Amino acid sequence: MELAAWKAISASAAIFMSALATSFAQARIGAAGAGAIAEKPEVAGMIIALEALPELMVVLGFVIAAMILTTLK
């Protein structure tokens, strides 16, 4: 296989794994957050922030994929 193919596979793996980890984290946070909001509605703002935080993993996965595609020769 050529280097370009390996770069594409590596970049897609970086995005896929970070997206998979994010979906797993958001599923757990969402389930726990729904229960917490049902008992104490005043924690809704914090739960929304905690739900958005794992999205950073996808952004970082995209940055790693961009670095793989642009810096490897």
PDB file of N, CA and C in Angstrom:
ATOM      1  N   MET A   1       0.834  -1.185   0.000  1.00  0.00           N
ATOM      2  CA  MET A   1       0.000   0.000   0.000  1.00  0.00           C
ATOM      3  C   MET A   1       0.878   1.247   0.000  1.00  0.00           C
ATOM      4  N   GLU A   2       0.366   2.259  -0.632  1.00  0.00           N
ATOM      5  CA  GLU A   2       1.108   3.513  -0.677  1.00  0.00           C
ATOM      6  C   GLU A   2       0.950   4.280   0.625  1.00  0.00           C
ATOM      7  N   LEU A   3       1.806   5.269   0.794  1.00  0.00           N
ATOM      8  CA  LEU A   3       1.752   6.097   1.990  1.00  0.00           C
ATOM      9  C   LEU A   3       0.440   6.871   2.075  1.00  0.00           C
ATOM     10  N   ALA A   4      -0.080   7.308   0.945  1.00  0.00           N
ATOM     11  CA  ALA A   4      -1.336   8.065   0.940  1.00  0.00           C
ATOM     12  C   ALA A   4      -2.482   7.227   1.482  1.00  0.00           C
ATOM     13  N   ALA A   5      -2.491   5.955   1.159  1.00  0.00           N
ATOM     14  CA  ALA A   5      -3.550   5.076   1.661  1.00  0.00           C
ATOM     15  C   ALA A   5      -3.438   4.900   3.170  1.00  0.00           C
ATOM     16  N   TRP A   6      -2.212   4.723   3.664  1.00  0.00           N
ATOM     17  CA  TRP A   6      -2.017   4.580   5.109  1.00  0.00           C
ATOM     18  C   TRP A   6      -2.381   5.854   5.851  1.00  0.00           C
ATOM     19  N   LYS A   7      -2.072   7.004   5.242  1.00  0.00           N
ATOM     20  CA  LYS A   7      -2.446   8.280   5.856  1.00  0.00           C
ATOM     21  C   LYS A   7      -3.961   8.405   5.948  1.00  0.00           C
ATOM     22  N   ALA A   8      -4.658   8.026   4.902  1.00  0.00           N
ATOM     23  CA  ALA A   8      -6.113   8.114   4.902  1.00  0.00           C
ATOM     24  C   ALA A   8      -6.723   7.163   5.931  1.00  0.00           C
ATOM     25  N   ILE A   9      -6.195   5.969   6.021  1.00  0.00           N
ATOM     26  CA  ILE A   9      -6.690   4.997   7.000  1.00  0.00           C
ATOM     27  C   ILE A   9      -6.423   5.493   8.422  1.00  0.00           C
ATOM     28  N   SER A  10      -5.237   6.027   8.659  1.00  0.00           N
ATOM     29  CA  SER A  10      -4.894   6.531   9.989  1.00  0.00           C
ATOM     30  C   SER A  10      -5.753   7.729  10.378  1.00  0.00           C
ATOM     31  N   ALA A  11      -5.988   8.638   9.444  1.00  0.00           N
ATOM     32  CA  ALA A  11      -6.810   9.810   9.730  1.00  0.00           C
ATOM     33  C   ALA A  11      -8.254   9.407  10.011  1.00  0.00           C
ATOM     34  N   SER A  12      -8.775   8.475   9.226  1.00  0.00           N
ATOM     35  CA  SER A  12     -10.148   8.037   9.474  1.00  0.00           C
ATOM     36  C   SER A  12     -10.259   7.275  10.788  1.00  0.00           C
ATOM     37  N   ALA A  13      -9.232   6.535  11.158  1.00  0.00           N
ATOM     38  CA  ALA A  13      -9.240   5.832  12.442  1.00  0.00           C
ATOM     39  C   ALA A  13      -9.211   6.813  13.608  1.00  0.00           C
ATOM     40  N   ALA A  14      -8.465   7.900  13.466  1.00  0.00           N
ATOM     41  CA  ALA A  14      -8.408   8.908  14.531  1.00  0.00           C
ATOM     42  C   ALA A  14      -9.778   9.532  14.751  1.00  0.00           C
ATOM     43  N   ILE A  15     -10.465   9.866  13.678  1.00  0.00           N
ATOM     44  CA  ILE A  15     -11.796  10.472  13.810  1.00  0.00           C
ATOM     45  C   ILE A  15     -12.796   9.440  14.311  1.00  0.00           C
ATOM     46  N   PHE A  16     -12.738   8.215  13.781  1.00  0.00           N
ATOM     47  CA  PHE A  16     -13.690   7.180  14.182  1.00  0.00           C
ATOM     48  C   PHE A  16     -13.575   6.857  15.663  1.00  0.00           C
ATOM     49  N   MET A  17     -12.356   6.677  16.152  1.00  0.00           N
ATOM     50  CA  MET A  17     -12.189   6.296  17.557  1.00  0.00           C
ATOM     51  C   MET A  17     -12.588   7.426  18.502  1.00  0.00           C
ATOM     52  N   SER A  18     -12.278   8.654  18.120  1.00  0.00           N
ATOM     53  CA  SER A  18     -12.679   9.759  18.992  1.00  0.00           C
ATOM     54  C   SER A  18     -14.192   9.940  18.979  1.00  0.00           C
ATOM     55  N   ALA A  19     -14.829   9.736  17.833  1.00  0.00           N
ATOM     56  CA  ALA A  19     -16.289   9.843  17.766  1.00  0.00           C
ATOM     57  C   ALA A  19     -16.960   8.712  18.547  1.00  0.00           C
ATOM     58  N   LEU A  20     -16.388   7.529  18.493  1.00  0.00           N
ATOM     59  CA  LEU A  20     -16.942   6.397  19.241  1.00  0.00           C
ATOM     60  C   LEU A  20     -16.825   6.640  20.743  1.00  0.00           C
ATOM     61  N   ALA A  21     -15.689   7.136  21.188  1.00  0.00           N
ATOM     62  CA  ALA A  21     -15.508   7.438  22.610  1.00  0.00           C
ATOM     63  C   ALA A  21     -16.454   8.544  23.061  1.00  0.00           C
ATOM     64  N   THR A  22     -16.663   9.537  22.213  1.00  0.00           N
ATOM     65  CA  THR A  22     -17.575  10.627  22.543  1.00  0.00           C
ATOM     66  C   THR A  22     -18.999  10.122  22.663  1.00  0.00           C
ATOM     67  N   SER A  23     -19.422   9.274  21.736  1.00  0.00           N
ATOM     68  CA  SER A  23     -20.795   8.764  21.803  1.00  0.00           C
ATOM     69  C   SER A  23     -21.011   7.923  23.057  1.00  0.00           C
ATOM     70  N   PHE A  24     -20.002   7.149  23.436  1.00  0.00           N
ATOM     71  CA  PHE A  24     -20.108   6.346  24.656  1.00  0.00           C
ATOM     72  C   PHE A  24     -20.221   7.249  25.885  1.00  0.00           C
ATOM     73  N   ALA A  25     -19.392   8.288  25.941  1.00  0.00           N
ATOM     74  CA  ALA A  25     -19.413   9.201  27.082  1.00  0.00           C
ATOM     75  C   ALA A  25     -20.725   9.978  27.147  1.00  0.00           C
ATOM     76  N   GLN A  26     -21.198  10.459  26.009  1.00  0.00           N
ATOM     77  CA  GLN A  26     -22.426  11.239  26.009  1.00  0.00           C
ATOM     78  C   GLN A  26     -23.638  10.383  26.362  1.00  0.00           C
ATOM     79  N   ALA A  27     -23.623   9.128  26.001  1.00  0.00           N
ATOM     80  CA  ALA A  27     -24.729   8.250  26.370  1.00  0.00           C
ATOM     81  C   ALA A  27     -24.799   8.083  27.888  1.00  0.00           C
ATOM     82  N   ARG A  28     -23.648   7.881  28.505  1.00  0.00           N
ATOM     83  CA  ARG A  28     -23.614   7.724  29.966  1.00  0.00           C
ATOM     84  C   ARG A  28     -23.982   9.020  30.680  1.00  0.00           C
ATOM     85  N   ILE A  29     -23.442  10.134  30.202  1.00  0.00           N
ATOM     86  CA  ILE A  29     -23.735  11.425  30.839  1.00  0.00           C
ATOM     87  C   ILE A  29     -25.197  11.786  30.660  1.00  0.00           C
ATOM     88  N   GLY A  30     -25.745  11.521  29.477  1.00  0.00           N
ATOM     89  CA  GLY A  30     -27.145  11.845  29.219  1.00  0.00           C
ATOM     90  C   GLY A  30     -28.099  11.063  30.102  1.00  0.00           C
ATOM     91  N   ALA A  31     -27.825   9.784  30.290  1.00  0.00           N
ATOM     92  CA  ALA A  31     -28.685   8.966  31.138  1.00  0.00           C
ATOM     93  C   ALA A  31     -28.623   9.418  32.591  1.00  0.00           C
ATOM     94  N   ALA A  32     -27.412   9.663  33.071  1.00  0.00           N
ATOM     95  CA  ALA A  32     -27.267  10.124  34.451  1.00  0.00           C
ATOM     96  C   ALA A  32     -27.818  11.532  34.614  1.00  0.00           C
ATOM     97  N   GLY A  33     -27.622  12.365  33.599  1.00  0.00           N
ATOM     98  CA  GLY A  33     -28.105  13.734  33.658  1.00  0.00           C
ATOM     99  C   GLY A  33     -29.619  13.824  33.681  1.00  0.00           C
ATOM    100  N   ALA A  34     -30.290  12.953  32.949  1.00  0.00           N
ATOM    101  CA  ALA A  34     -31.757  12.958  32.955  1.00  0.00           C
ATOM    102  C   ALA A  34     -32.292  12.631  34.342  1.00  0.00           C
ATOM    103  N   GLY A  35     -31.655  11.684  35.006  1.00  0.00           N
ATOM    104  CA  GLY A  35     -32.062  11.357  36.369  1.00  0.00           C
ATOM    105  C   GLY A  35     -31.781  12.482  37.345  1.00  0.00           C
ATOM    106  N   ALA A  36     -30.631  13.133  37.168  1.00  0.00           N
ATOM    107  CA  ALA A  36     -30.278  14.237  38.065  1.00  0.00           C
ATOM    108  C   ALA A  36     -31.206  15.426  37.882  1.00  0.00           C
ATOM    109  N   ILE A  37     -31.563  15.723  36.635  1.00  0.00           N
ATOM    110  CA  ILE A  37     -32.469  16.846  36.371  1.00  0.00           C
ATOM    111  C   ILE A  37     -33.868  16.544  36.885  1.00  0.00           C
ATOM    112  N   ALA A  38     -34.279  15.276  36.835  1.00  0.00           N
ATOM    113  CA  ALA A  38     -35.605  14.911  37.347  1.00  0.00           C
ATOM    114  C   ALA A  38     -35.688  15.134  38.856  1.00  0.00           C
ATOM    115  N   GLU A  39     -34.590  14.905  39.552  1.00  0.00           N
ATOM    116  CA  GLU A  39     -34.600  15.079  41.001  1.00  0.00           C
ATOM    117  C   GLU A  39     -34.294  16.516  41.424  1.00  0.00           C
ATOM    118  N   LYS A  40     -33.346  17.162  40.718  1.00  0.00           N
ATOM    119  CA  LYS A  40     -32.951  18.540  41.068  1.00  0.00           C
ATOM    120  C   LYS A  40     -32.880  19.360  39.793  1.00  0.00           C
ATOM    121  N   PRO A  41     -33.948  20.041  39.411  1.00  0.00           N
ATOM    122  CA  PRO A  41     -33.949  20.799  38.157  1.00  0.00           C
ATOM    123  C   PRO A  41     -32.912  21.916  38.104  1.00  0.00           C
ATOM    124  N   GLU A  42     -32.412  22.365  39.219  1.00  0.00           N
ATOM    125  CA  GLU A  42     -31.438  23.457  39.209  1.00  0.00           C
ATOM    126  C   GLU A  42     -30.070  23.037  38.687  1.00  0.00           C
ATOM    127  N   VAL A  43     -29.817  21.758  38.501  1.00  0.00           N
ATOM    128  CA  VAL A  43     -28.525  21.311  37.969  1.00  0.00           C
ATOM    129  C   VAL A  43     -28.538  21.184  36.445  1.00  0.00           C
ATOM    130  N   ALA A  44     -29.601  21.648  35.800  1.00  0.00           N
ATOM    131  CA  ALA A  44     -29.728  21.487  34.351  1.00  0.00           C
ATOM    132  C   ALA A  44     -28.596  22.165  33.595  1.00  0.00           C
ATOM    133  N   GLY A  45     -28.183  23.345  34.028  1.00  0.00           N
ATOM    134  CA  GLY A  45     -27.096  24.048  33.350  1.00  0.00           C
ATOM    135  C   GLY A  45     -25.789  23.288  33.400  1.00  0.00           C
ATOM    136  N   MET A  46     -25.493  22.712  34.549  1.00  0.00           N
ATOM    137  CA  MET A  46     -24.257  21.952  34.677  1.00  0.00           C
ATOM    138  C   MET A  46     -24.323  20.674  33.835  1.00  0.00           C
ATOM    139  N   ILE A  47     -25.470  20.039  33.769  1.00  0.00           N
ATOM    140  CA  ILE A  47     -25.613  18.818  32.980  1.00  0.00           C
ATOM    141  C   ILE A  47     -25.444  19.128  31.494  1.00  0.00           C
ATOM    142  N   ILE A  48     -25.973  20.262  31.052  1.00  0.00           N
ATOM    143  CA  ILE A  48     -25.804  20.640  29.647  1.00  0.00           C
ATOM    144  C   ILE A  48     -24.321  20.863  29.340  1.00  0.00           C
ATOM    145  N   ALA A  49     -23.609  21.503  30.250  1.00  0.00           N
ATOM    146  CA  ALA A  49     -22.173  21.714  30.054  1.00  0.00           C
ATOM    147  C   ALA A  49     -21.421  20.383  30.042  1.00  0.00           C
ATOM    148  N   LEU A  50     -21.787  19.482  30.930  1.00  0.00           N
ATOM    149  CA  LEU A  50     -21.130  18.172  30.966  1.00  0.00           C
ATOM    150  C   LEU A  50     -21.464  17.348  29.728  1.00  0.00           C
ATOM    151  N   GLU A  51     -22.638  17.560  29.159  1.00  0.00           N
ATOM    152  CA  GLU A  51     -23.027  16.842  27.948  1.00  0.00           C
ATOM    153  C   GLU A  51     -22.242  17.347  26.736  1.00  0.00           C
ATOM    154  N   ALA A  52     -21.905  18.633  26.728  1.00  0.00           N
ATOM    155  CA  ALA A  52     -21.178  19.220  25.600  1.00  0.00           C
ATOM    156  C   ALA A  52     -19.670  18.990  25.694  1.00  0.00           C
ATOM    157  N   LEU A  53     -19.163  18.742  26.865  1.00  0.00           N
ATOM    158  CA  LEU A  53     -17.722  18.603  27.063  1.00  0.00           C
ATOM    159  C   LEU A  53     -17.082  17.473  26.243  1.00  0.00           C
ATOM    160  N   PRO A  54     -17.688  16.293  26.125  1.00  0.00           N
ATOM    161  CA  PRO A  54     -17.041  15.239  25.333  1.00  0.00           C
ATOM    162  C   PRO A  54     -16.883  15.563  23.851  1.00  0.00           C
ATOM    163  N   GLU A  55     -17.626  16.552  23.343  1.00  0.00           N
ATOM    164  CA  GLU A  55     -17.469  16.942  21.942  1.00  0.00           C
ATOM    165  C   GLU A  55     -16.052  17.408  21.654  1.00  0.00           C
ATOM    166  N   LEU A  56     -15.350  17.845  22.684  1.00  0.00           N
ATOM    167  CA  LEU A  56     -13.961  18.254  22.500  1.00  0.00           C
ATOM    168  C   LEU A  56     -13.116  17.091  22.000  1.00  0.00           C
ATOM    169  N   MET A  57     -13.463  15.862  22.382  1.00  0.00           N
ATOM    170  CA  MET A  57     -12.708  14.705  21.913  1.00  0.00           C
ATOM    171  C   MET A  57     -12.812  14.563  20.399  1.00  0.00           C
ATOM    172  N   VAL A  58     -13.986  14.828  19.827  1.00  0.00           N
ATOM    173  CA  VAL A  58     -14.138  14.738  18.381  1.00  0.00           C
ATOM    174  C   VAL A  58     -13.333  15.834  17.697  1.00  0.00           C
ATOM    175  N   VAL A  59     -13.358  17.031  18.262  1.00  0.00           N
ATOM    176  CA  VAL A  59     -12.584  18.133  17.686  1.00  0.00           C
ATOM    177  C   VAL A  59     -11.093  17.795  17.713  1.00  0.00           C
ATOM    178  N   LEU A  60     -10.628  17.240  18.827  1.00  0.00           N
ATOM    179  CA  LEU A  60      -9.217  16.869  18.915  1.00  0.00           C
ATOM    180  C   LEU A  60      -8.883  15.717  17.963  1.00  0.00           C
ATOM    181  N   GLY A  61      -9.808  14.790  17.766  1.00  0.00           N
ATOM    182  CA  GLY A  61      -9.607  13.731  16.782  1.00  0.00           C
ATOM    183  C   GLY A  61      -9.492  14.287  15.376  1.00  0.00           C
ATOM    184  N   PHE A  62     -10.306  15.312  15.082  1.00  0.00           N
ATOM    185  CA  PHE A  62     -10.211  15.969  13.783  1.00  0.00           C
ATOM    186  C   PHE A  62      -8.866  16.674  13.629  1.00  0.00           C
ATOM    187  N   VAL A  63      -8.383  17.305  14.685  1.00  0.00           N
ATOM    188  CA  VAL A  63      -7.075  17.975  14.631  1.00  0.00           C
ATOM    189  C   VAL A  63      -5.971  16.951  14.387  1.00  0.00           C
ATOM    190  N   ILE A  64      -6.027  15.825  15.062  1.00  0.00           N
ATOM    191  CA  ILE A  64      -5.025  14.771  14.861  1.00  0.00           C
ATOM    192  C   ILE A  64      -5.085  14.252  13.429  1.00  0.00           C
ATOM    193  N   ALA A  65      -6.297  14.063  12.899  1.00  0.00           N
ATOM    194  CA  ALA A  65      -6.434  13.602  11.519  1.00  0.00           C
ATOM    195  C   ALA A  65      -5.862  14.618  10.548  1.00  0.00           C
ATOM    196  N   ALA A  66      -6.089  15.897  10.794  1.00  0.00           N
ATOM    197  CA  ALA A  66      -5.530  16.933   9.929  1.00  0.00           C
ATOM    198  C   ALA A  66      -4.010  16.929  10.009  1.00  0.00           C
ATOM    199  N   MET A  67      -3.466  16.725  11.213  1.00  0.00           N
ATOM    200  CA  MET A  67      -2.016  16.665  11.362  1.00  0.00           C
ATOM    201  C   MET A  67      -1.444  15.471  10.634  1.00  0.00           C
ATOM    202  N   ILE A  68      -2.124  14.334  10.690  1.00  0.00           N
ATOM    203  CA  ILE A  68      -1.654  13.141   9.986  1.00  0.00           C
ATOM    204  C   ILE A  68      -1.620  13.392   8.488  1.00  0.00           C
ATOM    205  N   LEU A  69      -2.678  14.007   7.973  1.00  0.00           N
ATOM    206  CA  LEU A  69      -2.755  14.203   6.533  1.00  0.00           C
ATOM    207  C   LEU A  69      -1.786  15.260   6.022  1.00  0.00           C
ATOM    208  N   THR A  70      -1.464  16.239   6.853  1.00  0.00           N
ATOM    209  CA  THR A  70      -0.640  17.338   6.350  1.00  0.00           C
ATOM    210  C   THR A  70       0.843  17.230   6.683  1.00  0.00           C
ATOM    211  N   THR A  71       1.199  16.542   7.754  1.00  0.00           N
ATOM    212  CA  THR A  71       2.608  16.551   8.167  1.00  0.00           C
ATOM    213  C   THR A  71       3.379  15.305   7.768  1.00  0.00           C
ATOM    214  N   LEU A  72       2.723  14.176   7.615  1.00  0.00           N
ATOM    215  CA  LEU A  72       3.470  12.966   7.228  1.00  0.00           C
ATOM    216  C   LEU A  72       3.867  13.038   5.763  1.00  0.00           C
ATOM    217  N   LYS A  73       5.093  12.619   5.475  1.00  0.00           N
ATOM    218  CA  LYS A  73       5.574  12.658   4.092  1.00  0.00           C
ATOM    219  C   LYS A  73       5.886  11.275   3.591  1.00  0.00           C
TER     220      LYS A  73
END
